Amino acid sequence: MSLKELRNSIRREFLEYKRRFEELTARREHLQSQKNEFQKYLEEIKKGAPFHRIKEIARKLRVTAPDPFISKLALLVHIRESLKKINEELQNIGDELASIERCLKEGIECPLCNGTGYLTKTRIVRGDIIQEVLESRKCPLCRGVGKLFYDQIMHDDEMISKYP
């Protein structure tokens, strides 16, 4: 794979991170709004909402029960279970968002030099004695840093056509 192809692959990876970040952020906002709505309903029911209001909330949440008392209990159980699921999903989204933010902020390890910042290759020098010489030079992909950053990859127009 050429250096240009590797850069494009990493660029696609960063773009996927950004897309996923935006998707998760929108999902988190939606879940937070749902959570607020469920908490509002829970408080209303706990404070002794009238039967017609309980029926209205039950209809919105698609919870059915023939008896008003059972309806109230079923609704409370449904709301608590829903809040538990929402909180779990919000926690998972928060963890994934933190991971993506860390990658975007701190960068990813350069796959070409494995994070060292340098490429080393062995060369055999023949003379009176055959010697193995190590040649080291800056990685052309990360430019000796060992990490690749979103801004660097997304705005880097200098494309090198092949591996050194």
N, C-alpha and C. Protein backbone atom coordinates (compact mmCIF):
# COMPACT_ATOMS: atom_id res chain seq x y z
N MET A 1 0.85 -1.17 0.00
CA MET A 1 0.00 0.00 0.00
C MET A 1 0.90 1.24 0.00
N SER A 2 0.57 2.17 -0.86
CA SER A 2 1.38 3.39 -0.94
C SER A 2 1.06 4.30 0.24
N LEU A 3 1.91 5.26 0.44
CA LEU A 3 1.72 6.22 1.53
C LEU A 3 0.44 7.03 1.30
N LYS A 4 0.18 7.35 0.05
CA LYS A 4 -1.04 8.08 -0.28
C LYS A 4 -2.28 7.26 0.07
N GLU A 5 -2.26 5.99 -0.25
CA GLU A 5 -3.39 5.11 0.08
C GLU A 5 -3.55 4.97 1.59
N LEU A 6 -2.42 4.89 2.29
CA LEU A 6 -2.46 4.78 3.75
C LEU A 6 -3.05 6.06 4.36
N ARG A 7 -2.62 7.21 3.86
CA ARG A 7 -3.19 8.48 4.35
C ARG A 7 -4.69 8.55 4.08
N ASN A 8 -5.10 8.13 2.90
CA ASN A 8 -6.53 8.15 2.57
C ASN A 8 -7.31 7.20 3.47
N SER A 9 -6.72 6.07 3.77
CA SER A 9 -7.37 5.11 4.67
C SER A 9 -7.53 5.71 6.06
N ILE A 10 -6.50 6.37 6.55
CA ILE A 10 -6.56 7.01 7.86
C ILE A 10 -7.54 8.17 7.83
N ARG A 11 -7.56 8.90 6.73
CA ARG A 11 -8.52 10.01 6.58
C ARG A 11 -9.95 9.46 6.68
N ARG A 12 -10.22 8.33 6.01
CA ARG A 12 -11.55 7.72 6.08
C ARG A 12 -11.87 7.28 7.52
N GLU A 13 -10.86 6.76 8.22
CA GLU A 13 -11.04 6.34 9.61
C GLU A 13 -11.42 7.55 10.49
N PHE A 14 -10.72 8.67 10.31
CA PHE A 14 -11.04 9.88 11.07
C PHE A 14 -12.43 10.41 10.72
N LEU A 15 -12.78 10.35 9.43
CA LEU A 15 -14.11 10.79 9.03
C LEU A 15 -15.19 9.91 9.65
N GLU A 16 -14.92 8.62 9.75
CA GLU A 16 -15.86 7.70 10.40
C GLU A 16 -15.99 8.03 11.88
N TYR A 17 -14.87 8.37 12.53
CA TYR A 17 -14.92 8.80 13.93
C TYR A 17 -15.82 10.03 14.07
N LYS A 18 -15.63 11.01 13.20
CA LYS A 18 -16.42 12.24 13.25
C LYS A 18 -17.90 11.94 13.02
N ARG A 19 -18.20 11.09 12.02
CA ARG A 19 -19.58 10.75 11.72
C ARG A 19 -20.22 10.05 12.92
N ARG A 20 -19.50 9.09 13.49
CA ARG A 20 -20.01 8.35 14.64
C ARG A 20 -20.20 9.28 15.84
N PHE A 21 -19.27 10.22 16.01
CA PHE A 21 -19.37 11.19 17.10
C PHE A 21 -20.66 12.01 16.98
N GLU A 22 -20.94 12.50 15.77
CA GLU A 22 -22.14 13.29 15.53
C GLU A 22 -23.40 12.44 15.72
N GLU A 23 -23.35 11.21 15.24
CA GLU A 23 -24.49 10.30 15.40
C GLU A 23 -24.77 10.02 16.88
N LEU A 24 -23.72 9.74 17.64
CA LEU A 24 -23.88 9.46 19.07
C LEU A 24 -24.34 10.69 19.84
N THR A 25 -23.85 11.85 19.45
CA THR A 25 -24.25 13.09 20.12
C THR A 25 -25.75 13.33 19.90
N ALA A 26 -26.21 13.12 18.68
CA ALA A 26 -27.64 13.29 18.39
C ALA A 26 -28.46 12.26 19.17
N ARG A 27 -27.99 11.03 19.22
CA ARG A 27 -28.69 9.98 19.96
C ARG A 27 -28.74 10.30 21.46
N ARG A 28 -27.63 10.81 21.98
CA ARG A 28 -27.58 11.18 23.39
C ARG A 28 -28.58 12.29 23.70
N GLU A 29 -28.67 13.29 22.83
CA GLU A 29 -29.62 14.38 23.03
C GLU A 29 -31.05 13.86 23.01
N HIS A 30 -31.34 12.96 22.07
CA HIS A 30 -32.68 12.37 21.98
C HIS A 30 -33.00 11.59 23.25
N LEU A 31 -32.06 10.76 23.70
CA LEU A 31 -32.28 9.97 24.92
C LEU A 31 -32.43 10.87 26.14
N GLN A 32 -31.67 11.94 26.20
CA GLN A 32 -31.77 12.86 27.33
C GLN A 32 -33.14 13.51 27.37
N SER A 33 -33.66 13.85 26.19
CA SER A 33 -35.00 14.44 26.12
C SER A 33 -36.06 13.41 26.54
N GLN A 34 -35.89 12.16 26.11
CA GLN A 34 -36.80 11.09 26.54
C GLN A 34 -36.73 10.90 28.05
N LYS A 35 -35.53 10.90 28.57
CA LYS A 35 -35.33 10.72 30.01
C LYS A 35 -36.04 11.82 30.79
N ASN A 36 -35.88 13.06 30.34
CA ASN A 36 -36.54 14.18 31.01
C ASN A 36 -38.07 14.02 30.99
N GLU A 37 -38.57 13.57 29.83
CA GLU A 37 -40.01 13.36 29.70
C GLU A 37 -40.49 12.26 30.66
N PHE A 38 -39.78 11.15 30.71
CA PHE A 38 -40.14 10.04 31.61
C PHE A 38 -40.07 10.49 33.08
N GLN A 39 -39.04 11.26 33.41
CA GLN A 39 -38.91 11.73 34.79
C GLN A 39 -40.07 12.67 35.16
N LYS A 40 -40.49 13.48 34.20
CA LYS A 40 -41.63 14.37 34.43
C LYS A 40 -42.89 13.55 34.69
N TYR A 41 -43.10 12.52 33.88
CA TYR A 41 -44.27 11.65 34.08
C TYR A 41 -44.21 10.95 35.43
N LEU A 42 -43.02 10.47 35.77
CA LEU A 42 -42.84 9.76 37.05
C LEU A 42 -43.20 10.67 38.22
N GLU A 43 -42.72 11.90 38.18
CA GLU A 43 -43.02 12.86 39.25
C GLU A 43 -44.52 13.16 39.32
N GLU A 44 -45.13 13.31 38.15
CA GLU A 44 -46.58 13.58 38.10
C GLU A 44 -47.36 12.45 38.77
N ILE A 45 -47.01 11.23 38.42
CA ILE A 45 -47.71 10.06 38.96
C ILE A 45 -47.46 9.93 40.46
N LYS A 46 -46.22 10.15 40.88
CA LYS A 46 -45.89 10.06 42.31
C LYS A 46 -46.66 11.11 43.13
N LYS A 47 -46.88 12.27 42.54
CA LYS A 47 -47.58 13.35 43.25
C LYS A 47 -49.10 13.15 43.26
N GLY A 48 -49.56 12.08 42.62
CA GLY A 48 -50.99 11.78 42.63
C GLY A 48 -51.77 12.40 41.50
N ALA A 49 -51.29 12.22 40.29
CA ALA A 49 -51.99 12.73 39.11
C ALA A 49 -53.40 12.12 39.04
N PRO A 50 -54.38 12.88 38.57
CA PRO A 50 -55.74 12.35 38.44
C PRO A 50 -55.79 11.21 37.40
N PHE A 51 -56.83 10.41 37.52
CA PHE A 51 -56.95 9.22 36.67
C PHE A 51 -56.90 9.57 35.18
N HIS A 52 -57.58 10.66 34.77
CA HIS A 52 -57.57 11.01 33.35
C HIS A 52 -56.15 11.34 32.87
N ARG A 53 -55.33 11.93 33.71
CA ARG A 53 -53.94 12.24 33.34
C ARG A 53 -53.12 10.95 33.26
N ILE A 54 -53.36 10.02 34.17
CA ILE A 54 -52.66 8.73 34.13
C ILE A 54 -53.02 7.99 32.84
N LYS A 55 -54.30 8.03 32.47
CA LYS A 55 -54.73 7.39 31.21
C LYS A 55 -54.03 8.04 30.01
N GLU A 56 -53.94 9.36 30.06
CA GLU A 56 -53.29 10.10 28.97
C GLU A 56 -51.80 9.72 28.85
N ILE A 57 -51.11 9.66 29.99
CA ILE A 57 -49.69 9.27 29.99
C ILE A 57 -49.56 7.83 29.51
N ALA A 58 -50.43 6.94 30.00
CA ALA A 58 -50.39 5.54 29.60
C ALA A 58 -50.60 5.41 28.09
N ARG A 59 -51.51 6.19 27.54
CA ARG A 59 -51.76 6.15 26.10
C ARG A 59 -50.53 6.60 25.33
N LYS A 60 -49.88 7.68 25.81
CA LYS A 60 -48.66 8.17 25.14
C LYS A 60 -47.56 7.12 25.16
N LEU A 61 -47.45 6.39 26.28
CA LEU A 61 -46.39 5.40 26.42
C LEU A 61 -46.82 4.00 25.99
N ARG A 62 -48.06 3.89 25.50
CA ARG A 62 -48.61 2.61 25.02
C ARG A 62 -48.63 1.53 26.10
N VAL A 63 -49.06 1.91 27.29
CA VAL A 63 -49.21 0.98 28.40
C VAL A 63 -50.71 0.83 28.63
N THR A 64 -51.20 -0.43 28.62
CA THR A 64 -52.64 -0.64 28.82
C THR A 64 -52.89 -1.50 30.05
N ALA A 65 -53.94 -1.14 30.76
CA ALA A 65 -54.42 -1.91 31.91
C ALA A 65 -55.88 -1.51 32.14
N PRO A 66 -56.74 -2.48 32.46
CA PRO A 66 -58.17 -2.18 32.60
C PRO A 66 -58.52 -1.37 33.85
N ASP A 67 -57.82 -1.60 34.92
CA ASP A 67 -58.13 -0.99 36.21
C ASP A 67 -57.23 0.23 36.44
N PRO A 68 -57.78 1.33 37.00
CA PRO A 68 -56.96 2.53 37.23
C PRO A 68 -55.76 2.28 38.15
N PHE A 69 -55.96 1.48 39.19
CA PHE A 69 -54.86 1.20 40.12
C PHE A 69 -53.77 0.39 39.43
N ILE A 70 -54.19 -0.64 38.70
CA ILE A 70 -53.24 -1.48 37.96
C ILE A 70 -52.55 -0.65 36.89
N SER A 71 -53.33 0.22 36.26
CA SER A 71 -52.77 1.10 35.22
C SER A 71 -51.66 1.96 35.80
N LYS A 72 -51.88 2.49 36.98
CA LYS A 72 -50.88 3.34 37.62
C LYS A 72 -49.62 2.53 37.95
N LEU A 73 -49.80 1.34 38.50
CA LEU A 73 -48.65 0.48 38.82
C LEU A 73 -47.89 0.05 37.57
N ALA A 74 -48.66 -0.37 36.56
CA ALA A 74 -48.03 -0.79 35.29
C ALA A 74 -47.24 0.37 34.69
N LEU A 75 -47.81 1.54 34.78
CA LEU A 75 -47.15 2.74 34.23
C LEU A 75 -45.86 3.05 35.01
N LEU A 76 -45.92 2.97 36.32
CA LEU A 76 -44.73 3.20 37.14
C LEU A 76 -43.63 2.21 36.81
N VAL A 77 -44.00 0.94 36.70
CA VAL A 77 -43.02 -0.10 36.37
C VAL A 77 -42.42 0.17 34.99
N HIS A 78 -43.29 0.49 34.03
CA HIS A 78 -42.82 0.75 32.67
C HIS A 78 -41.86 1.95 32.64
N ILE A 79 -42.22 3.01 33.34
CA ILE A 79 -41.38 4.21 33.35
C ILE A 79 -40.03 3.92 34.02
N ARG A 80 -40.05 3.22 35.12
CA ARG A 80 -38.78 2.90 35.81
C ARG A 80 -37.88 2.01 34.95
N GLU A 81 -38.47 1.01 34.31
CA GLU A 81 -37.68 0.14 33.42
C GLU A 81 -37.13 0.93 32.24
N SER A 82 -37.96 1.80 31.69
CA SER A 82 -37.51 2.62 30.57
C SER A 82 -36.37 3.56 30.99
N LEU A 83 -36.51 4.17 32.16
CA LEU A 83 -35.45 5.05 32.65
C LEU A 83 -34.16 4.27 32.87
N LYS A 84 -34.27 3.05 33.38
CA LYS A 84 -33.08 2.22 33.59
C LYS A 84 -32.39 1.93 32.27
N LYS A 85 -33.16 1.56 31.24
CA LYS A 85 -32.59 1.28 29.91
C LYS A 85 -31.95 2.53 29.32
N ILE A 86 -32.64 3.66 29.46
CA ILE A 86 -32.12 4.93 28.93
C ILE A 86 -30.80 5.28 29.62
N ASN A 87 -30.76 5.14 30.94
CA ASN A 87 -29.53 5.45 31.67
C ASN A 87 -28.38 4.55 31.25
N GLU A 88 -28.66 3.26 31.05
CA GLU A 88 -27.61 2.34 30.59
C GLU A 88 -27.11 2.74 29.21
N GLU A 89 -28.03 3.06 28.32
CA GLU A 89 -27.62 3.45 26.97
C GLU A 89 -26.86 4.78 27.00
N LEU A 90 -27.31 5.72 27.84
CA LEU A 90 -26.58 6.99 27.97
C LEU A 90 -25.16 6.76 28.48
N GLN A 91 -25.00 5.82 29.40
CA GLN A 91 -23.67 5.50 29.93
C GLN A 91 -22.78 4.92 28.82
N ASN A 92 -23.34 3.99 28.04
CA ASN A 92 -22.58 3.40 26.93
C ASN A 92 -22.20 4.45 25.89
N ILE A 93 -23.14 5.32 25.58
CA ILE A 93 -22.86 6.39 24.61
C ILE A 93 -21.79 7.33 25.16
N GLY A 94 -21.88 7.65 26.43
CA GLY A 94 -20.87 8.52 27.05
C GLY A 94 -19.49 7.91 26.99
N ASP A 95 -19.40 6.61 27.25
CA ASP A 95 -18.11 5.92 27.17
C ASP A 95 -17.55 5.94 25.76
N GLU A 96 -18.41 5.65 24.78
CA GLU A 96 -17.95 5.63 23.38
C GLU A 96 -17.57 7.03 22.91
N LEU A 97 -18.35 8.04 23.31
CA LEU A 97 -18.01 9.42 22.95
C LEU A 97 -16.67 9.83 23.54
N ALA A 98 -16.42 9.44 24.79
CA ALA A 98 -15.14 9.76 25.43
C ALA A 98 -13.99 9.12 24.67
N SER A 99 -14.18 7.90 24.23
CA SER A 99 -13.15 7.19 23.47
C SER A 99 -12.88 7.88 22.13
N ILE A 100 -13.94 8.26 21.45
CA ILE A 100 -13.79 8.95 20.16
C ILE A 100 -13.13 10.31 20.36
N GLU A 101 -13.56 11.05 21.39
CA GLU A 101 -12.95 12.36 21.67
C GLU A 101 -11.46 12.21 21.94
N ARG A 102 -11.11 11.17 22.67
CA ARG A 102 -9.70 10.92 22.98
C ARG A 102 -8.91 10.67 21.69
N CYS A 103 -9.47 9.87 20.79
CA CYS A 103 -8.79 9.60 19.52
C CYS A 103 -8.64 10.87 18.69
N LEU A 104 -9.70 11.67 18.66
CA LEU A 104 -9.65 12.89 17.86
C LEU A 104 -8.71 13.93 18.48
N LYS A 105 -8.67 13.98 19.80
CA LYS A 105 -7.84 14.97 20.48
C LYS A 105 -6.38 14.53 20.59
N GLU A 106 -6.17 13.30 21.06
CA GLU A 106 -4.81 12.81 21.30
C GLU A 106 -4.20 12.14 20.08
N GLY A 107 -4.98 11.91 19.05
CA GLY A 107 -4.48 11.29 17.84
C GLY A 107 -4.42 9.77 17.96
N ILE A 108 -4.07 9.15 16.84
CA ILE A 108 -3.94 7.69 16.82
C ILE A 108 -2.48 7.34 16.52
N GLU A 109 -2.09 6.17 16.95
CA GLU A 109 -0.72 5.71 16.71
C GLU A 109 -0.50 5.54 15.21
N CYS A 110 0.63 6.03 14.75
CA CYS A 110 0.98 5.92 13.34
C CYS A 110 1.16 4.44 12.98
N PRO A 111 0.42 3.95 11.99
CA PRO A 111 0.54 2.54 11.63
C PRO A 111 1.81 2.22 10.83
N LEU A 112 2.43 3.23 10.29
CA LEU A 112 3.64 2.99 9.49
C LEU A 112 4.86 2.75 10.37
N CYS A 113 5.02 3.56 11.42
CA CYS A 113 6.19 3.43 12.30
C CYS A 113 5.82 2.82 13.65
N ASN A 114 4.55 2.45 13.82
CA ASN A 114 4.05 1.89 15.08
C ASN A 114 4.27 2.81 16.28
N GLY A 115 4.17 4.11 16.03
CA GLY A 115 4.24 5.08 17.12
C GLY A 115 5.65 5.51 17.51
N THR A 116 6.67 5.03 16.84
CA THR A 116 8.03 5.41 17.21
C THR A 116 8.45 6.75 16.60
N GLY A 117 7.87 7.08 15.45
CA GLY A 117 8.23 8.32 14.76
C GLY A 117 9.36 8.13 13.76
N TYR A 118 9.96 6.95 13.79
CA TYR A 118 11.10 6.67 12.89
C TYR A 118 10.93 5.33 12.21
N LEU A 119 11.47 5.26 11.00
CA LEU A 119 11.53 4.00 10.28
C LEU A 119 12.98 3.55 10.29
N THR A 120 13.16 2.33 10.65
CA THR A 120 14.52 1.80 10.72
C THR A 120 14.61 0.62 9.78
N LYS A 121 15.68 0.59 9.01
CA LYS A 121 15.89 -0.58 8.17
C LYS A 121 17.35 -1.00 8.27
N THR A 122 17.56 -2.25 8.07
CA THR A 122 18.89 -2.83 8.19
C THR A 122 19.52 -2.88 6.80
N ARG A 123 20.81 -2.57 6.77
CA ARG A 123 21.54 -2.61 5.51
C ARG A 123 22.85 -3.34 5.77
N ILE A 124 23.24 -4.18 4.86
CA ILE A 124 24.50 -4.93 4.96
C ILE A 124 25.59 -4.16 4.21
N VAL A 125 26.69 -3.87 4.91
CA VAL A 125 27.82 -3.18 4.30
C VAL A 125 28.95 -4.19 4.16
N ARG A 126 29.41 -4.36 2.95
CA ARG A 126 30.48 -5.32 2.70
C ARG A 126 31.80 -4.58 2.50
N GLY A 127 32.77 -5.08 3.09
CA GLY A 127 34.11 -4.52 2.99
C GLY A 127 35.05 -5.59 3.48
N ASP A 128 36.05 -5.18 4.27
CA ASP A 128 36.92 -6.17 4.89
C ASP A 128 36.09 -7.05 5.82
N ILE A 129 35.12 -6.39 6.48
CA ILE A 129 34.23 -7.10 7.41
C ILE A 129 32.79 -6.82 6.95
N ILE A 130 31.99 -7.85 6.98
CA ILE A 130 30.58 -7.66 6.64
C ILE A 130 29.88 -7.16 7.90
N GLN A 131 29.26 -5.98 7.76
CA GLN A 131 28.58 -5.38 8.91
C GLN A 131 27.11 -5.13 8.59
N GLU A 132 26.34 -5.21 9.67
CA GLU A 132 24.93 -4.88 9.55
C GLU A 132 24.75 -3.46 10.12
N VAL A 133 24.26 -2.54 9.30
CA VAL A 133 24.11 -1.15 9.70
C VAL A 133 22.62 -0.81 9.75
N LEU A 134 22.24 -0.15 10.83
CA LEU A 134 20.85 0.29 10.96
C LEU A 134 20.74 1.72 10.46
N GLU A 135 19.80 1.95 9.56
CA GLU A 135 19.54 3.30 9.07
C GLU A 135 18.18 3.72 9.60
N SER A 136 18.15 4.90 10.17
CA SER A 136 16.90 5.38 10.76
C SER A 136 16.59 6.75 10.19
N ARG A 137 15.30 6.97 9.89
CA ARG A 137 14.88 8.29 9.42
C ARG A 137 13.45 8.56 9.87
N LYS A 138 13.08 9.83 9.85
CA LYS A 138 11.74 10.21 10.29
C LYS A 138 10.68 9.54 9.43
N CYS A 139 9.63 9.16 10.08
CA CYS A 139 8.49 8.57 9.39
C CYS A 139 7.84 9.64 8.51
N PRO A 140 7.62 9.37 7.23
CA PRO A 140 7.01 10.37 6.36
C PRO A 140 5.51 10.56 6.62
N LEU A 141 4.89 9.60 7.26
CA LEU A 141 3.45 9.70 7.51
C LEU A 141 3.15 10.61 8.70
N CYS A 142 3.82 10.38 9.83
CA CYS A 142 3.57 11.18 11.04
C CYS A 142 4.62 12.27 11.23
N ARG A 143 5.63 12.30 10.38
CA ARG A 143 6.72 13.28 10.42
C ARG A 143 7.49 13.25 11.73
N GLY A 144 7.69 12.04 12.24
CA GLY A 144 8.52 11.86 13.42
C GLY A 144 7.81 12.01 14.75
N VAL A 145 6.50 12.23 14.74
CA VAL A 145 5.75 12.43 15.98
C VAL A 145 5.31 11.10 16.59
N GLY A 146 4.99 10.14 15.75
CA GLY A 146 4.52 8.84 16.23
C GLY A 146 3.01 8.75 16.32
N LYS A 147 2.35 9.88 16.18
CA LYS A 147 0.88 9.92 16.22
C LYS A 147 0.36 10.71 15.04
N LEU A 148 -0.87 10.38 14.66
CA LEU A 148 -1.54 11.11 13.59
C LEU A 148 -2.74 11.83 14.20
N PHE A 149 -2.90 13.09 13.84
CA PHE A 149 -3.97 13.90 14.39
C PHE A 149 -4.98 14.26 13.31
N TYR A 150 -6.20 14.45 13.75
CA TYR A 150 -7.30 14.75 12.82
C TYR A 150 -6.96 15.91 11.90
N ASP A 151 -6.57 17.06 12.47
CA ASP A 151 -6.29 18.25 11.65
C ASP A 151 -5.15 18.00 10.67
N GLN A 152 -4.14 17.29 11.13
CA GLN A 152 -2.98 17.00 10.28
C GLN A 152 -3.40 16.18 9.07
N ILE A 153 -4.16 15.14 9.29
CA ILE A 153 -4.56 14.24 8.20
C ILE A 153 -5.61 14.89 7.30
N MET A 154 -6.55 15.60 7.87
CA MET A 154 -7.63 16.18 7.08
C MET A 154 -7.18 17.37 6.24
N HIS A 155 -6.15 18.07 6.69
CA HIS A 155 -5.73 19.27 5.99
C HIS A 155 -4.34 19.14 5.36
N ASP A 156 -3.85 17.94 5.29
CA ASP A 156 -2.52 17.71 4.75
C ASP A 156 -2.64 17.38 3.27
N ASP A 157 -2.28 18.32 2.42
CA ASP A 157 -2.37 18.11 0.98
C ASP A 157 -1.11 17.48 0.40
N GLU A 158 -0.04 17.48 1.18
CA GLU A 158 1.22 16.91 0.70
C GLU A 158 1.09 15.39 0.72
N MET A 159 0.94 14.81 -0.42
CA MET A 159 0.81 13.37 -0.52
C MET A 159 2.10 12.79 -1.10
N ILE A 160 2.61 11.82 -0.42
CA ILE A 160 3.81 11.15 -0.90
C ILE A 160 3.36 9.89 -1.64
N SER A 161 3.91 9.66 -2.80
CA SER A 161 3.36 8.62 -3.66
C SER A 161 3.65 7.20 -3.23
N LYS A 162 4.73 6.98 -2.47
CA LYS A 162 5.03 5.61 -2.07
C LYS A 162 5.81 5.59 -0.78
N TYR A 163 5.88 4.40 -0.19
CA TYR A 163 6.67 4.24 1.03
C TYR A 163 8.12 4.58 0.75
N PRO A 164 8.82 5.09 1.76
CA PRO A 164 10.24 5.38 1.56
C PRO A 164 11.03 4.09 1.45
